[in-house]
Amino acid sequence: MTVFWYGVIASLLAGMATGFGALPAFFFKKVSRNFLNTALGASAGVMLAATSFSLIVPGIENGDLLWPGRGVYVVVFGILSGALVLDLIDKWLPHEHFIKGPEGPSSNLKRIWLFVIAITIHNFPEGMAVGVGFGSGNISNGISLAIGIGIQNMPEGLAVALPLLGLGYSRWKAFFIAASTGLVEPVGGILGAGAVTVFHPVLPFALAFAAGAMLFVISDEIIPETHSKGKSRQATYGVMIGFVIMMALDNLLG
């Protein structure tokens, strides 16, 4: 139960980083599009490295311990399952991106709630990944995941708050909404940590499922958002920098 609560608390702190990233909204109404693209690209790089080194590799290792020689097959199935579930959620839930516009079925919901739903779709698998990381019993792996996801949540918080200011929301309301979108992560953390703590053999699949969900978000949501205006070079370097930072963090803490 100790590692379970570590996972819950860590996923909460990672989610709260979204609010920390939204703090500049109190001082600026807008920032350079290039800066935001670079920051979001870096968050994609962090997620990509976290997926590779903190989810997929441990998933294969744990799978081989439980079913020698078959860990990779469990992880392949888990990755595809996570991507499929996120794909279905993306299609079933109406939501809207600040750049790409509306997705999913048509809805009469206000745009702000469509934005919130979009960020929630992003954040849930991230919280689940932190929870699973701690639930595995590997504290250092869980810590590196939590720190990495916290880092990548900060530009997302800014990306939520600034457009809300442009829509006429007050600074406090824009900050509150941006910070609130990160609070879905502890829910994912509870489910992820609880599942692998209670039923340990599900760990390899759970790690891979979280990896697949995060890979889907990276490829389908974050990178297209940063490339949508045709200026992709800064975002590309952002991805590389974020990947290197998370890779180093994972190895230093591991």
Protein backbone atom coordinates (compact mmCIF):
# COMPACT_ATOMS: atom_id res chain seq x y z
CA MET A 1 0.00 0.00 0.00
CA THR A 2 2.97 2.34 0.53
CA VAL A 3 3.93 2.31 -3.15
CA PHE A 4 0.24 2.74 -4.04
CA TRP A 5 0.08 6.01 -2.11
CA TYR A 6 3.43 7.09 -3.55
CA GLY A 7 1.89 6.65 -6.99
CA VAL A 8 -1.24 8.62 -6.09
CA ILE A 9 0.72 11.51 -4.54
CA ALA A 10 3.26 11.61 -7.38
CA SER A 11 0.53 11.68 -10.04
CA LEU A 12 -1.17 14.51 -8.12
CA LEU A 13 2.07 16.53 -8.02
CA ALA A 14 2.68 15.88 -11.73
CA GLY A 15 -0.84 17.08 -12.48
CA MET A 16 -0.35 20.21 -10.37
CA ALA A 17 2.59 21.13 -12.60
CA THR A 18 -0.03 22.05 -15.21
CA GLY A 19 -1.11 24.90 -12.95
CA PHE A 20 2.50 25.93 -12.38
CA GLY A 21 2.98 26.17 -16.13
CA ALA A 22 -0.09 28.41 -16.40
CA LEU A 23 1.34 31.03 -13.97
CA PRO A 24 2.80 33.25 -16.76
CA ALA A 25 -0.82 33.97 -17.77
CA PHE A 26 -0.89 36.41 -14.85
CA PHE A 27 1.85 38.47 -16.53
CA PHE A 28 1.42 37.93 -20.29
CA LYS A 29 -1.60 37.66 -22.55
CA LYS A 30 0.33 35.93 -25.29
CA VAL A 31 3.74 34.48 -26.04
CA SER A 32 5.56 33.80 -29.28
CA ARG A 33 4.04 30.96 -31.28
CA ASN A 34 7.57 29.69 -31.91
CA PHE A 35 8.27 29.60 -28.17
CA LEU A 36 5.06 27.69 -27.47
CA ASN A 37 5.73 25.24 -30.32
CA THR A 38 9.23 24.60 -28.98
CA ALA A 39 7.93 24.08 -25.44
CA LEU A 40 5.18 21.72 -26.59
CA GLY A 41 7.70 19.90 -28.77
CA ALA A 42 9.92 19.46 -25.72
CA SER A 43 6.96 18.04 -23.79
CA ALA A 44 6.43 15.53 -26.62
CA GLY A 45 10.12 14.57 -26.43
CA VAL A 46 9.89 14.05 -22.67
CA MET A 47 6.82 11.85 -23.11
CA LEU A 48 8.51 9.88 -25.89
CA ALA A 49 11.59 9.15 -23.76
CA ALA A 50 9.44 8.31 -20.73
CA THR A 51 7.42 5.93 -22.87
CA SER A 52 10.55 4.23 -24.20
CA PHE A 53 12.76 3.96 -21.11
CA SER A 54 10.30 3.99 -18.21
CA LEU A 55 7.39 2.01 -19.64
CA ILE A 56 8.26 -0.15 -22.64
CA VAL A 57 11.68 -1.43 -21.48
CA PRO A 58 10.49 -2.29 -17.92
CA GLY A 59 7.36 -3.81 -19.44
CA ILE A 60 9.39 -6.22 -21.53
CA GLU A 61 11.69 -7.03 -18.59
CA ASN A 62 8.79 -7.74 -16.23
CA GLY A 63 7.01 -9.73 -18.91
CA ASP A 64 10.05 -11.93 -19.42
CA LEU A 65 10.23 -12.55 -15.66
CA LEU A 66 6.63 -13.77 -15.62
CA TRP A 67 6.59 -15.48 -19.02
CA PRO A 68 10.20 -16.10 -20.16
CA GLY A 69 10.73 -15.12 -23.79
CA ARG A 70 7.19 -13.77 -24.21
CA GLY A 71 7.48 -10.34 -22.60
CA VAL A 72 7.80 -8.53 -25.92
CA TYR A 73 4.53 -10.06 -27.18
CA VAL A 74 2.66 -8.89 -24.07
CA VAL A 75 4.08 -5.40 -24.53
CA VAL A 76 3.17 -5.27 -28.23
CA PHE A 77 -0.40 -6.23 -27.36
CA GLY A 78 -0.49 -3.68 -24.53
CA ILE A 79 0.83 -0.82 -26.69
CA LEU A 80 -1.71 -1.47 -29.44
CA SER A 81 -4.50 -1.80 -26.87
CA GLY A 82 -3.61 1.53 -25.25
CA ALA A 83 -3.53 3.29 -28.62
CA LEU A 84 -6.87 1.73 -29.65
CA VAL A 85 -8.60 2.80 -26.44
CA LEU A 86 -7.33 6.39 -26.82
CA ASP A 87 -8.42 6.37 -30.45
CA LEU A 88 -11.95 5.30 -29.47
CA ILE A 89 -12.12 7.91 -26.69
CA ASP A 90 -10.90 10.54 -29.15
CA LYS A 91 -13.71 9.62 -31.55
CA TRP A 92 -16.49 9.24 -28.97
CA LEU A 93 -15.88 12.33 -26.82
CA PRO A 94 -16.50 15.76 -28.38
CA HIS A 95 -13.49 17.99 -27.79
CA GLU A 96 -11.62 20.89 -29.34
CA HIS A 97 -7.97 21.76 -29.81
CA PHE A 98 -6.76 25.35 -29.80
CA ILE A 99 -5.12 24.99 -33.21
CA LYS A 100 -6.59 21.91 -34.90
CA GLY A 101 -10.15 22.81 -33.96
CA PRO A 102 -13.06 20.48 -33.09
CA GLU A 103 -12.83 16.68 -33.13
CA GLY A 104 -15.21 13.87 -32.26
CA PRO A 105 -19.01 14.03 -32.52
CA SER A 106 -20.73 17.41 -32.73
CA SER A 107 -21.78 18.89 -29.41
CA ASN A 108 -23.65 21.87 -27.97
CA LEU A 109 -21.13 22.19 -25.14
CA LYS A 110 -19.38 25.52 -24.76
CA ARG A 111 -15.94 25.72 -26.32
CA ILE A 112 -14.26 25.94 -22.93
CA TRP A 113 -15.61 22.54 -21.92
CA LEU A 114 -14.50 21.08 -25.23
CA PHE A 115 -11.00 22.40 -24.50
CA VAL A 116 -11.09 20.88 -21.02
CA ILE A 117 -12.16 17.49 -22.42
CA ALA A 118 -9.25 17.60 -24.90
CA ILE A 119 -6.68 18.19 -22.15
CA THR A 120 -8.33 15.53 -19.98
CA ILE A 121 -7.85 12.99 -22.78
CA HIS A 122 -4.15 13.96 -22.74
CA ASN A 123 -3.65 13.82 -19.00
CA PHE A 124 -5.39 10.61 -17.99
CA PRO A 125 -2.84 8.19 -19.53
CA GLU A 126 -0.02 10.29 -18.07
CA GLY A 127 -1.39 9.89 -14.55
CA MET A 128 -1.91 6.19 -15.19
CA ALA A 129 1.71 5.86 -16.30
CA VAL A 130 2.97 7.41 -13.04
CA GLY A 131 0.68 5.17 -10.98
CA VAL A 132 1.81 2.04 -12.81
CA GLY A 133 5.44 3.10 -12.46
CA PHE A 134 5.16 3.27 -8.67
CA GLY A 135 2.85 0.28 -8.47
CA SER A 136 5.57 -1.84 -10.04
CA GLY A 137 7.60 -1.32 -6.85
CA ASN A 138 10.41 0.46 -8.73
CA ILE A 139 10.45 3.77 -6.85
CA SER A 140 13.24 5.37 -8.92
CA ASN A 141 11.36 4.54 -12.14
CA GLY A 142 8.19 6.05 -10.72
CA ILE A 143 10.02 9.20 -9.61
CA SER A 144 11.61 9.75 -13.02
CA LEU A 145 8.22 9.27 -14.68
CA ALA A 146 6.55 11.72 -12.31
CA ILE A 147 9.25 14.36 -12.80
CA GLY A 148 9.25 13.92 -16.58
CA ILE A 149 5.48 14.14 -16.87
CA GLY A 150 5.44 17.12 -14.52
CA ILE A 151 7.96 18.87 -16.80
CA GLN A 152 5.91 18.19 -19.90
CA ASN A 153 2.69 19.31 -18.20
CA MET A 154 3.99 22.87 -17.72
CA PRO A 155 3.87 24.01 -21.37
CA GLU A 156 0.46 22.35 -21.67
CA GLY A 157 -0.79 24.52 -18.81
CA LEU A 158 0.45 27.63 -20.59
CA ALA A 159 -1.05 26.41 -23.88
CA VAL A 160 -4.45 26.17 -22.16
CA ALA A 161 -4.36 29.43 -20.18
CA LEU A 162 -3.22 31.84 -22.90
CA PRO A 163 -5.95 31.06 -25.47
CA LEU A 164 -8.54 31.36 -22.70
CA LEU A 165 -7.32 34.91 -22.09
CA GLY A 166 -7.80 35.54 -25.79
CA LEU A 167 -11.38 34.30 -25.50
CA GLY A 168 -12.07 36.94 -22.84
CA TYR A 169 -11.64 34.93 -19.63
CA SER A 170 -10.08 36.66 -16.63
CA ARG A 171 -6.52 35.77 -15.63
CA TRP A 172 -7.71 33.98 -12.49
CA LYS A 173 -10.34 31.98 -14.36
CA ALA A 174 -7.91 31.03 -17.13
CA PHE A 175 -5.38 29.91 -14.52
CA PHE A 176 -7.98 27.96 -12.53
CA ILE A 177 -9.27 26.11 -15.59
CA ALA A 178 -5.73 25.28 -16.77
CA ALA A 179 -4.76 24.04 -13.30
CA SER A 180 -7.95 21.98 -13.01
CA THR A 181 -7.20 20.04 -16.20
CA GLY A 182 -4.20 18.47 -14.45
CA LEU A 183 -6.32 17.07 -11.63
CA VAL A 184 -7.48 14.13 -13.74
CA GLU A 185 -3.97 12.68 -13.44
CA PRO A 186 -4.43 11.43 -9.84
CA VAL A 187 -7.49 9.52 -11.07
CA GLY A 188 -5.33 7.75 -13.63
CA GLY A 189 -2.66 7.29 -10.94
CA ILE A 190 -5.13 5.59 -8.58
CA LEU A 191 -6.33 3.20 -11.29
CA GLY A 192 -2.82 2.41 -12.52
CA ALA A 193 -1.21 1.94 -9.12
CA GLY A 194 -4.20 0.04 -7.76
CA ALA A 195 -4.35 -2.40 -10.66
CA VAL A 196 -0.71 -3.48 -10.53
CA THR A 197 -0.56 -3.46 -6.71
CA VAL A 198 -3.56 -5.75 -6.35
CA PHE A 199 -2.82 -7.96 -9.35
CA HIS A 200 0.92 -7.94 -10.04
CA PRO A 201 0.84 -10.17 -13.20
CA VAL A 202 -0.99 -7.35 -15.00
CA LEU A 203 2.09 -5.09 -14.63
CA PRO A 204 3.74 -5.75 -18.05
CA PHE A 205 0.45 -5.16 -19.86
CA ALA A 206 -0.33 -2.07 -17.75
CA LEU A 207 3.08 -0.52 -18.50
CA ALA A 208 2.63 -1.18 -22.20
CA PHE A 209 -0.99 0.05 -22.20
CA ALA A 210 0.11 3.37 -20.67
CA ALA A 211 2.93 3.56 -23.24
CA GLY A 212 0.54 2.99 -26.13
CA ALA A 213 -1.87 5.62 -24.86
CA MET A 214 0.95 8.15 -24.48
CA LEU A 215 2.38 7.34 -27.92
CA PHE A 216 -1.06 7.96 -29.40
CA VAL A 217 -1.28 11.37 -27.72
CA ILE A 218 2.23 12.32 -28.89
CA SER A 219 1.66 11.37 -32.52
CA ASP A 220 -1.99 12.27 -32.95
CA GLU A 221 -2.27 15.39 -30.80
CA ILE A 222 0.88 17.15 -29.60
CA ILE A 223 3.19 16.95 -32.64
CA PRO A 224 0.46 17.87 -35.18
CA GLU A 225 -0.44 20.86 -33.00
CA THR A 226 3.14 22.16 -33.09
CA HIS A 227 3.46 21.59 -36.85
CA SER A 228 0.10 23.01 -37.89
CA LYS A 229 1.40 26.46 -38.88
CA GLY A 230 4.16 25.13 -41.11
CA LYS A 231 7.07 26.19 -38.85
CA SER A 232 8.12 22.81 -37.53
CA ARG A 233 11.90 23.18 -37.12
CA GLN A 234 11.77 24.74 -33.63
CA ALA A 235 9.28 22.09 -32.50
CA THR A 236 11.54 19.36 -33.88
CA TYR A 237 14.50 20.62 -31.86
CA GLY A 238 12.17 20.90 -28.88
CA VAL A 239 11.32 17.20 -29.23
CA MET A 240 15.01 16.29 -29.34
CA ILE A 241 15.88 18.43 -26.31
CA GLY A 242 12.95 17.04 -24.30
CA PHE A 243 13.92 13.48 -25.25
CA VAL A 244 17.55 13.97 -24.19
CA ILE A 245 16.55 15.59 -20.87
CA MET A 246 14.18 12.74 -19.99
CA MET A 247 16.66 10.09 -21.14
CA ALA A 248 19.35 11.58 -18.89
CA LEU A 249 16.90 11.96 -16.00
CA ASP A 250 15.77 8.37 -16.29
CA ASN A 251 19.33 7.04 -16.27
CA LEU A 252 20.53 9.33 -13.47
CA LEU A 253 17.64 8.36 -11.19
CA GLY A 254 17.62 4.72 -12.28
